[in-house]
Amino acid sequence: MLLKVYEEEKIDQVINLVQQKKGKIISLIPRTETLEDIFVNMVKSQ
């Protein structure tokens, strides 16, 4: 499952919740928006 967390301060809460539910986190990868992402979001919102 891929989970996107948009607010950095919520990451610890998400990790704790996954651990409480006996889930396993394989990787945590910081991501920034590309210009393409920004463009697509702008087009979608119009």
Protein backbone atom coordinates (compact mmCIF):
# COMPACT_ATOMS: atom_id res chain seq x y z
CA MET A 1 0.00 0.00 0.00
CA LEU A 2 1.24 3.47 -0.81
CA LEU A 3 0.25 6.12 1.68
CA LYS A 4 0.85 9.81 1.09
CA VAL A 5 1.09 12.06 4.15
CA TYR A 6 0.88 15.71 3.16
CA GLU A 7 1.56 17.23 6.57
CA GLU A 8 5.04 16.44 7.85
CA GLU A 9 3.97 16.82 11.48
CA LYS A 10 1.51 13.92 11.03
CA ILE A 11 4.17 11.36 10.07
CA ASP A 12 4.83 10.23 13.65
CA GLN A 13 1.10 9.73 14.22
CA VAL A 14 0.82 7.59 11.11
CA ILE A 15 3.83 5.48 12.11
CA ASN A 16 2.42 4.97 15.61
CA LEU A 17 -0.97 3.95 14.22
CA VAL A 18 0.59 1.42 11.85
CA GLN A 19 2.63 -0.07 14.70
CA GLN A 20 -0.41 -0.25 17.01
CA LYS A 21 -2.30 -2.20 14.35
CA LYS A 22 0.67 -4.60 13.98
CA GLY A 23 1.47 -3.25 10.53
CA LYS A 24 4.92 -3.08 9.01
CA ILE A 25 6.51 -0.10 7.31
CA ILE A 26 8.89 -1.11 4.54
CA SER A 27 10.12 2.35 3.62
CA LEU A 28 9.49 5.99 4.24
CA ILE A 29 10.47 8.24 1.35
CA PRO A 30 10.25 12.02 1.49
CA ARG A 31 8.83 13.42 -1.71
CA THR A 32 8.56 16.88 -3.15
CA GLU A 33 6.19 17.91 -5.87
CA THR A 34 7.59 18.05 -9.36
CA LEU A 35 6.61 20.78 -11.78
CA GLU A 36 4.50 18.18 -13.53
CA ASP A 37 2.62 17.45 -10.28
CA ILE A 38 1.97 21.14 -9.75
CA PHE A 39 0.75 21.59 -13.32
CA VAL A 40 -1.58 18.59 -13.17
CA ASN A 41 -3.04 19.78 -9.87
CA MET A 42 -3.62 23.25 -11.31
CA VAL A 43 -5.37 21.82 -14.39
CA LYS A 44 -7.55 19.53 -12.25
CA SER A 45 -8.64 22.41 -10.03
CA GLN A 46 -9.84 24.55 -12.94
